[in-house]
């Protein structure tokens, strides 16, 4: 069952996302906590909170194995790199965690093949204990965009193209559906049309839904953290 919470602002929602991640990382397991990160404008606030928590000793980065749900085909030093964004905001947390990058600078095909092999070593479709996910206003999730060939990929990772033609690498629906928990950041009224069908449930066949709804709808373990702007539009 999809769950949702409403917060006064995105800062409060980011605090809760970091708390959820930290609490999950402390659960007993025989290996590090395998967390998948994403890019975009929302996750950096959560990265900042995790960095702060690590500096206070309330979360241990050494217990984390970090992955990504997608990446652009650029070096990590590029300003548009999702991993580069995380590295800048996570700071010392990044340096102490076990980091597994999508090496987008190799090119989409080679990077997807390499990441597919890497995910296979860490659980395959069940590699992710949790994924931190943003919501694209066009309905995309990871780099699974409406109409792209990657929507039908059955591998673990695949080459993809954004709506503007930008080359990317993405994990596939197989991996997103195998992920145990999704923490979704839905901030701003423009995200409401994408989030609302997932919260409401029912209705359309899965192949007619936007990629985000296909990945996160009709399943347990999805927690949508909305700010007031998104919630006002969703729950009106």
C-alpha atoms as a PDB file:
ATOM      1  CA  UNK A   1       0.000   0.000   0.000  1.00  0.00           C
ATOM      2  CA  UNK A   2       1.396   3.408  -0.989  1.00  0.00           C
ATOM      3  CA  UNK A   3       1.736   5.733   1.987  1.00  0.00           C
ATOM      4  CA  UNK A   4       2.015   9.499   1.995  1.00  0.00           C
ATOM      5  CA  UNK A   5       2.869  12.238   4.448  1.00  0.00           C
ATOM      6  CA  UNK A   6       2.393  15.996   4.171  1.00  0.00           C
ATOM      7  CA  UNK A   7       4.918  18.531   5.458  1.00  0.00           C
ATOM      8  CA  UNK A   8       4.765  22.290   5.823  1.00  0.00           C
ATOM      9  CA  UNK A   9       7.761  22.741   3.519  1.00  0.00           C
ATOM     10  CA  UNK A  10      10.411  20.801   1.659  1.00  0.00           C
ATOM     11  CA  UNK A  11      12.956  21.272   4.430  1.00  0.00           C
ATOM     12  CA  UNK A  12      10.734  19.362   6.854  1.00  0.00           C
ATOM     13  CA  UNK A  13      10.143  16.673   4.217  1.00  0.00           C
ATOM     14  CA  UNK A  14      13.908  16.360   3.679  1.00  0.00           C
ATOM     15  CA  UNK A  15      14.391  15.929   7.426  1.00  0.00           C
ATOM     16  CA  UNK A  16      11.926  13.039   7.400  1.00  0.00           C
ATOM     17  CA  UNK A  17      13.519  11.421   4.352  1.00  0.00           C
ATOM     18  CA  UNK A  18      16.925  11.504   6.048  1.00  0.00           C
ATOM     19  CA  UNK A  19      15.416  10.086   9.237  1.00  0.00           C
ATOM     20  CA  UNK A  20      13.788   7.211   7.312  1.00  0.00           C
ATOM     21  CA  UNK A  21      17.076   6.420   5.559  1.00  0.00           C
ATOM     22  CA  UNK A  22      19.102   6.568   8.770  1.00  0.00           C
ATOM     23  CA  UNK A  23      16.651   4.342  10.657  1.00  0.00           C
ATOM     24  CA  UNK A  24      16.636   1.764   7.864  1.00  0.00           C
ATOM     25  CA  UNK A  25      20.436   1.699   7.776  1.00  0.00           C
ATOM     26  CA  UNK A  26      20.522   0.658  11.436  1.00  0.00           C
ATOM     27  CA  UNK A  27      18.444  -2.475  10.893  1.00  0.00           C
ATOM     28  CA  UNK A  28      20.465  -5.687  11.372  1.00  0.00           C
ATOM     29  CA  UNK A  29      21.751  -7.182   8.102  1.00  0.00           C
ATOM     30  CA  UNK A  30      24.723  -9.224   6.969  1.00  0.00           C
ATOM     31  CA  UNK A  31      25.952  -6.565   4.527  1.00  0.00           C
ATOM     32  CA  UNK A  32      25.933  -2.778   4.135  1.00  0.00           C
ATOM     33  CA  UNK A  33      22.629  -0.960   3.587  1.00  0.00           C
ATOM     34  CA  UNK A  34      22.221  -0.650  -0.189  1.00  0.00           C
ATOM     35  CA  UNK A  35      20.750   2.771  -0.963  1.00  0.00           C
ATOM     36  CA  UNK A  36      20.052   4.049  -4.486  1.00  0.00           C
ATOM     37  CA  UNK A  37      20.217   7.801  -5.046  1.00  0.00           C
ATOM     38  CA  UNK A  38      18.886  10.064  -7.772  1.00  0.00           C
ATOM     39  CA  UNK A  39      19.636  13.489  -9.176  1.00  0.00           C
ATOM     40  CA  UNK A  40      17.374  16.484  -9.635  1.00  0.00           C
ATOM     41  CA  UNK A  41      16.532  19.476  -7.477  1.00  0.00           C
ATOM     42  CA  UNK A  42      15.009  17.657  -4.485  1.00  0.00           C
ATOM     43  CA  UNK A  43      17.568  15.069  -3.235  1.00  0.00           C
ATOM     44  CA  UNK A  44      20.361  17.572  -2.379  1.00  0.00           C
ATOM     45  CA  UNK A  45      18.418  18.725   0.696  1.00  0.00           C
ATOM     46  CA  UNK A  46      18.347  15.117   1.891  1.00  0.00           C
ATOM     47  CA  UNK A  47      22.050  14.707   1.122  1.00  0.00           C
ATOM     48  CA  UNK A  48      22.761  17.769   3.249  1.00  0.00           C
ATOM     49  CA  UNK A  49      20.798  16.294   6.154  1.00  0.00           C
ATOM     50  CA  UNK A  50      22.662  12.975   5.894  1.00  0.00           C
ATOM     51  CA  UNK A  51      25.995  14.801   5.894  1.00  0.00           C
ATOM     52  CA  UNK A  52      24.961  16.697   9.019  1.00  0.00           C
ATOM     53  CA  UNK A  53      23.743  13.523  10.735  1.00  0.00           C
ATOM     54  CA  UNK A  54      27.045  11.787   9.970  1.00  0.00           C
ATOM     55  CA  UNK A  55      29.008  14.667  11.468  1.00  0.00           C
ATOM     56  CA  UNK A  56      26.942  14.333  14.657  1.00  0.00           C
ATOM     57  CA  UNK A  57      27.420  10.571  14.783  1.00  0.00           C
ATOM     58  CA  UNK A  58      23.719   9.755  14.391  1.00  0.00           C
ATOM     59  CA  UNK A  59      24.291   7.801  11.176  1.00  0.00           C
ATOM     60  CA  UNK A  60      27.323   5.756  10.105  1.00  0.00           C
ATOM     61  CA  UNK A  61      28.279   6.180   6.419  1.00  0.00           C
ATOM     62  CA  UNK A  62      30.441   3.046   6.626  1.00  0.00           C
ATOM     63  CA  UNK A  63      27.186   1.069   6.841  1.00  0.00           C
ATOM     64  CA  UNK A  64      26.087   2.336   3.408  1.00  0.00           C
ATOM     65  CA  UNK A  65      26.647   0.994  -0.086  1.00  0.00           C
ATOM     66  CA  UNK A  66      25.561   3.762  -2.475  1.00  0.00           C
ATOM     67  CA  UNK A  67      24.156   3.205  -5.960  1.00  0.00           C
ATOM     68  CA  UNK A  68      22.362   5.427  -8.494  1.00  0.00           C
ATOM     69  CA  UNK A  69      19.112   4.922 -10.316  1.00  0.00           C
ATOM     70  CA  UNK A  70      20.331   6.923 -13.311  1.00  0.00           C
ATOM     71  CA  UNK A  71      23.128   9.076 -14.634  1.00  0.00           C
ATOM     72  CA  UNK A  72      23.938  11.376 -17.506  1.00  0.00           C
ATOM     73  CA  UNK A  73      26.722  10.424 -19.894  1.00  0.00           C
ATOM     74  CA  UNK A  74      29.189  12.913 -18.455  1.00  0.00           C
ATOM     75  CA  UNK A  75      32.206  12.733 -16.094  1.00  0.00           C
ATOM     76  CA  UNK A  76      31.508  13.000 -12.361  1.00  0.00           C
ATOM     77  CA  UNK A  77      33.185  16.417 -12.416  1.00  0.00           C
ATOM     78  CA  UNK A  78      30.527  17.749 -14.819  1.00  0.00           C
ATOM     79  CA  UNK A  79      27.966  20.077 -13.239  1.00  0.00           C
ATOM     80  CA  UNK A  80      25.096  17.905 -14.540  1.00  0.00           C
ATOM     81  CA  UNK A  81      26.401  14.619 -13.129  1.00  0.00           C
ATOM     82  CA  UNK A  82      23.980  13.065 -10.633  1.00  0.00           C
ATOM     83  CA  UNK A  83      26.854  11.436  -8.752  1.00  0.00           C
ATOM     84  CA  UNK A  84      28.788  14.697  -8.778  1.00  0.00           C
ATOM     85  CA  UNK A  85      25.781  16.448  -7.254  1.00  0.00           C
ATOM     86  CA  UNK A  86      25.636  13.860  -4.476  1.00  0.00           C
ATOM     87  CA  UNK A  87      29.380  14.072  -3.853  1.00  0.00           C
ATOM     88  CA  UNK A  88      29.228  17.840  -3.433  1.00  0.00           C
ATOM     89  CA  UNK A  89      26.378  17.677  -0.924  1.00  0.00           C
ATOM     90  CA  UNK A  90      27.288  14.516   0.973  1.00  0.00           C
ATOM     91  CA  UNK A  91      30.851  15.608   1.676  1.00  0.00           C
ATOM     92  CA  UNK A  92      32.532  13.363   4.250  1.00  0.00           C
ATOM     93  CA  UNK A  93      29.550  10.968   4.133  1.00  0.00           C
ATOM     94  CA  UNK A  94      30.511  10.175   0.529  1.00  0.00           C
ATOM     95  CA  UNK A  95      34.153   9.560   1.426  1.00  0.00           C
ATOM     96  CA  UNK A  96      33.240   7.065   4.154  1.00  0.00           C
ATOM     97  CA  UNK A  97      30.577   5.108   2.219  1.00  0.00           C
ATOM     98  CA  UNK A  98      31.068   2.298  -0.322  1.00  0.00           C
ATOM     99  CA  UNK A  99      30.239   4.071  -3.597  1.00  0.00           C
ATOM    100  CA  UNK A 100      29.222   2.329  -6.845  1.00  0.00           C
ATOM    101  CA  UNK A 101      28.954   4.775  -9.721  1.00  0.00           C
ATOM    102  CA  UNK A 102      27.262   4.575 -13.089  1.00  0.00           C
ATOM    103  CA  UNK A 103      30.250   5.557 -15.241  1.00  0.00           C
ATOM    104  CA  UNK A 104      28.320   7.599 -17.745  1.00  0.00           C
ATOM    105  CA  UNK A 105      31.433   9.084 -19.334  1.00  0.00           C
ATOM    106  CA  UNK A 106      32.041   5.646 -20.921  1.00  0.00           C
ATOM    107  CA  UNK A 107      29.008   6.255 -23.129  1.00  0.00           C
ATOM    108  CA  UNK A 108      25.478   4.994 -22.633  1.00  0.00           C
ATOM    109  CA  UNK A 109      25.867   1.481 -24.050  1.00  0.00           C
ATOM    110  CA  UNK A 110      29.139   0.619 -22.300  1.00  0.00           C
ATOM    111  CA  UNK A 111      28.104   2.249 -19.022  1.00  0.00           C
ATOM    112  CA  UNK A 112      24.778   0.389 -18.986  1.00  0.00           C
ATOM    113  CA  UNK A 113      26.508  -2.941 -19.634  1.00  0.00           C
ATOM    114  CA  UNK A 114      29.037  -2.259 -16.875  1.00  0.00           C
ATOM    115  CA  UNK A 115      26.375  -1.225 -14.358  1.00  0.00           C
ATOM    116  CA  UNK A 116      24.231  -4.219 -15.230  1.00  0.00           C
ATOM    117  CA  UNK A 117      27.198  -6.449 -14.343  1.00  0.00           C
ATOM    118  CA  UNK A 118      27.832  -4.511 -11.139  1.00  0.00           C
ATOM    119  CA  UNK A 119      24.233  -4.746  -9.966  1.00  0.00           C
ATOM    120  CA  UNK A 120      24.332  -8.468 -10.673  1.00  0.00           C
ATOM    121  CA  UNK A 121      27.074  -8.792  -8.061  1.00  0.00           C
ATOM    122  CA  UNK A 122      24.969  -7.106  -5.376  1.00  0.00           C
ATOM    123  CA  UNK A 123      21.576  -8.758  -5.674  1.00  0.00           C
ATOM    124  CA  UNK A 124      20.397  -8.157  -9.238  1.00  0.00           C
ATOM    125  CA  UNK A 125      16.764  -7.008  -9.304  1.00  0.00           C
ATOM    126  CA  UNK A 126      16.812  -7.011  -5.487  1.00  0.00           C
ATOM    127  CA  UNK A 127      20.019  -4.973  -5.190  1.00  0.00           C
ATOM    128  CA  UNK A 128      18.399  -1.911  -3.606  1.00  0.00           C
ATOM    129  CA  UNK A 129      17.191  -1.957  -0.015  1.00  0.00           C
ATOM    130  CA  UNK A 130      15.839   1.547  -0.590  1.00  0.00           C
ATOM    131  CA  UNK A 131      15.737   4.138  -3.362  1.00  0.00           C
ATOM    132  CA  UNK A 132      15.472   7.900  -2.882  1.00  0.00           C
ATOM    133  CA  UNK A 133      13.380   9.094  -5.806  1.00  0.00           C
ATOM    134  CA  UNK A 134      12.328  12.459  -7.159  1.00  0.00           C
ATOM    135  CA  UNK A 135       9.279  13.001  -9.354  1.00  0.00           C
ATOM    136  CA  UNK A 136       9.651  14.419 -12.845  1.00  0.00           C
ATOM    137  CA  UNK A 137       6.804  16.730 -13.901  1.00  0.00           C
ATOM    138  CA  UNK A 138       6.635  14.756 -17.170  1.00  0.00           C
ATOM    139  CA  UNK A 139       6.100  11.523 -15.226  1.00  0.00           C
ATOM    140  CA  UNK A 140       9.571  10.060 -15.645  1.00  0.00           C
ATOM    141  CA  UNK A 141      11.320   8.090 -12.915  1.00  0.00           C
ATOM    142  CA  UNK A 142      15.065   7.384 -12.945  1.00  0.00           C
ATOM    143  CA  UNK A 143      15.740   8.030 -16.657  1.00  0.00           C
ATOM    144  CA  UNK A 144      12.694   6.076 -17.789  1.00  0.00           C
ATOM    145  CA  UNK A 145      10.967   8.667 -19.936  1.00  0.00           C
ATOM    146  CA  UNK A 146       7.603   8.363 -21.701  1.00  0.00           C
ATOM    147  CA  UNK A 147       8.050   6.755 -25.110  1.00  0.00           C
ATOM    148  CA  UNK A 148      11.693   5.723 -24.707  1.00  0.00           C
ATOM    149  CA  UNK A 149      12.946   2.226 -25.590  1.00  0.00           C
ATOM    150  CA  UNK A 150      14.348   1.821 -22.067  1.00  0.00           C
ATOM    151  CA  UNK A 151      10.784   1.370 -20.799  1.00  0.00           C
ATOM    152  CA  UNK A 152      10.770  -2.110 -22.317  1.00  0.00           C
ATOM    153  CA  UNK A 153      14.272  -3.189 -21.291  1.00  0.00           C
ATOM    154  CA  UNK A 154      14.502  -6.434 -19.344  1.00  0.00           C
ATOM    155  CA  UNK A 155      18.132  -5.996 -18.270  1.00  0.00           C
ATOM    156  CA  UNK A 156      19.133  -4.397 -14.952  1.00  0.00           C
ATOM    157  CA  UNK A 157      20.489  -1.220 -16.550  1.00  0.00           C
ATOM    158  CA  UNK A 158      19.904   0.253 -19.989  1.00  0.00           C
ATOM    159  CA  UNK A 159      20.838   3.177 -22.235  1.00  0.00           C
ATOM    160  CA  UNK A 160      18.165   5.866 -22.227  1.00  0.00           C
ATOM    161  CA  UNK A 161      17.342   9.251 -23.696  1.00  0.00           C
ATOM    162  CA  UNK A 162      15.672  12.167 -21.994  1.00  0.00           C
ATOM    163  CA  UNK A 163      12.888  13.982 -23.813  1.00  0.00           C
ATOM    164  CA  UNK A 164      15.431  16.571 -24.991  1.00  0.00           C
ATOM    165  CA  UNK A 165      17.592  13.819 -26.507  1.00  0.00           C
ATOM    166  CA  UNK A 166      20.263  13.828 -23.781  1.00  0.00           C
ATOM    167  CA  UNK A 167      21.994  10.434 -23.478  1.00  0.00           C
ATOM    168  CA  UNK A 168      21.625   8.739 -20.106  1.00  0.00           C
ATOM    169  CA  UNK A 169      21.912   5.402 -18.322  1.00  0.00           C
ATOM    170  CA  UNK A 170      19.068   4.122 -16.161  1.00  0.00           C
ATOM    171  CA  UNK A 171      18.142   1.161 -14.038  1.00  0.00           C
ATOM    172  CA  UNK A 172      15.072  -0.557 -15.437  1.00  0.00           C
ATOM    173  CA  UNK A 173      11.576  -1.244 -14.148  1.00  0.00           C
ATOM    174  CA  UNK A 174      12.832  -4.689 -13.136  1.00  0.00           C
ATOM    175  CA  UNK A 175      15.185  -3.125 -10.580  1.00  0.00           C
ATOM    176  CA  UNK A 176      12.785  -0.418  -9.403  1.00  0.00           C
ATOM    177  CA  UNK A 177      10.058  -2.987  -8.822  1.00  0.00           C
ATOM    178  CA  UNK A 178      12.523  -5.228  -6.974  1.00  0.00           C
ATOM    179  CA  UNK A 179      13.581  -2.411  -4.646  1.00  0.00           C
ATOM    180  CA  UNK A 180      12.268  -3.036  -1.142  1.00  0.00           C
ATOM    181  CA  UNK A 181      11.360   0.573  -0.255  1.00  0.00           C
ATOM    182  CA  UNK A 182      10.953   3.807  -2.190  1.00  0.00           C
ATOM    183  CA  UNK A 183      11.166   7.199  -0.497  1.00  0.00           C
ATOM    184  CA  UNK A 184       9.603   9.647  -2.955  1.00  0.00           C
ATOM    185  CA  UNK A 185      10.175  13.422  -2.772  1.00  0.00           C
ATOM    186  CA  UNK A 186       7.141  15.203  -4.272  1.00  0.00           C
ATOM    187  CA  UNK A 187       7.551  18.929  -3.861  1.00  0.00           C
ATOM    188  CA  UNK A 188       5.607  21.656  -5.643  1.00  0.00           C
ATOM    189  CA  UNK A 189       2.134  21.800  -7.187  1.00  0.00           C
ATOM    190  CA  UNK A 190       3.521  20.828 -10.617  1.00  0.00           C
ATOM    191  CA  UNK A 191       4.213  17.309  -9.275  1.00  0.00           C
ATOM    192  CA  UNK A 192       0.603  16.745  -8.198  1.00  0.00           C
ATOM    193  CA  UNK A 193      -0.760  15.330 -11.502  1.00  0.00           C
ATOM    194  CA  UNK A 194       1.963  12.669 -11.441  1.00  0.00           C
ATOM    195  CA  UNK A 195       1.619  11.747  -7.763  1.00  0.00           C
ATOM    196  CA  UNK A 196      -2.175  11.777  -7.519  1.00  0.00           C
ATOM    197  CA  UNK A 197      -2.877   8.546  -9.508  1.00  0.00           C
ATOM    198  CA  UNK A 198      -0.342   6.657  -7.383  1.00  0.00           C
ATOM    199  CA  UNK A 199      -1.975   7.791  -4.146  1.00  0.00           C
ATOM    200  CA  UNK A 200      -5.501   7.219  -5.476  1.00  0.00           C
ATOM    201  CA  UNK A 201      -4.729   3.810  -7.023  1.00  0.00           C
ATOM    202  CA  UNK A 202      -6.833   1.849  -9.514  1.00  0.00           C
ATOM    203  CA  UNK A 203      -8.067   2.812 -12.938  1.00  0.00           C
ATOM    204  CA  UNK A 204      -5.712   2.703 -15.885  1.00  0.00           C
ATOM    205  CA  UNK A 205      -3.790  -0.340 -17.203  1.00  0.00           C
ATOM    206  CA  UNK A 206      -0.129  -0.214 -16.188  1.00  0.00           C
ATOM    207  CA  UNK A 207       1.214   0.356 -19.695  1.00  0.00           C
ATOM    208  CA  UNK A 208      -0.937   3.500 -19.996  1.00  0.00           C
ATOM    209  CA  UNK A 209       0.493   5.036 -16.814  1.00  0.00           C
ATOM    210  CA  UNK A 210       3.465   7.427 -16.659  1.00  0.00           C
ATOM    211  CA  UNK A 211       6.737   5.666 -15.777  1.00  0.00           C
ATOM    212  CA  UNK A 212       6.653   6.922 -12.171  1.00  0.00           C
ATOM    213  CA  UNK A 213       3.209   5.409 -11.599  1.00  0.00           C
ATOM    214  CA  UNK A 214       4.263   2.138 -13.248  1.00  0.00           C
ATOM    215  CA  UNK A 215       7.231   1.845 -10.889  1.00  0.00           C
ATOM    216  CA  UNK A 216       5.615   3.049  -7.657  1.00  0.00           C
ATOM    217  CA  UNK A 217       1.887   2.424  -7.982  1.00  0.00           C
ATOM    218  CA  UNK A 218      -0.052  -0.570  -6.634  1.00  0.00           C
ATOM    219  CA  UNK A 219       2.732  -1.798  -4.361  1.00  0.00           C
ATOM    220  CA  UNK A 220       3.854  -1.780  -0.754  1.00  0.00           C
ATOM    221  CA  UNK A 221       6.953  -0.018   0.494  1.00  0.00           C
ATOM    222  CA  UNK A 222       6.370   3.347  -1.214  1.00  0.00           C
ATOM    223  CA  UNK A 223       6.438   6.433   1.018  1.00  0.00           C
ATOM    224  CA  UNK A 224       5.585   9.724  -0.701  1.00  0.00           C
ATOM    225  CA  UNK A 225       6.743  12.825   1.166  1.00  0.00           C
ATOM    226  CA  UNK A 226       4.824  15.857  -0.100  1.00  0.00           C
ATOM    227  CA  UNK A 227       5.256  19.491   0.738  1.00  0.00           C
ATOM    228  CA  UNK A 228       2.144  21.594   1.241  1.00  0.00           C
ATOM    229  CA  UNK A 229       2.174  22.884  -2.315  1.00  0.00           C
ATOM    230  CA  UNK A 230       1.980  19.409  -3.796  1.00  0.00           C
ATOM    231  CA  UNK A 231      -0.450  18.132  -1.178  1.00  0.00           C
ATOM    232  CA  UNK A 232      -2.905  20.992  -1.673  1.00  0.00           C
ATOM    233  CA  UNK A 233      -3.223  20.072  -5.341  1.00  0.00           C
ATOM    234  CA  UNK A 234      -3.261  16.288  -4.800  1.00  0.00           C
ATOM    235  CA  UNK A 235      -5.755  16.208  -1.943  1.00  0.00           C
ATOM    236  CA  UNK A 236      -8.073  19.011  -3.090  1.00  0.00           C
END
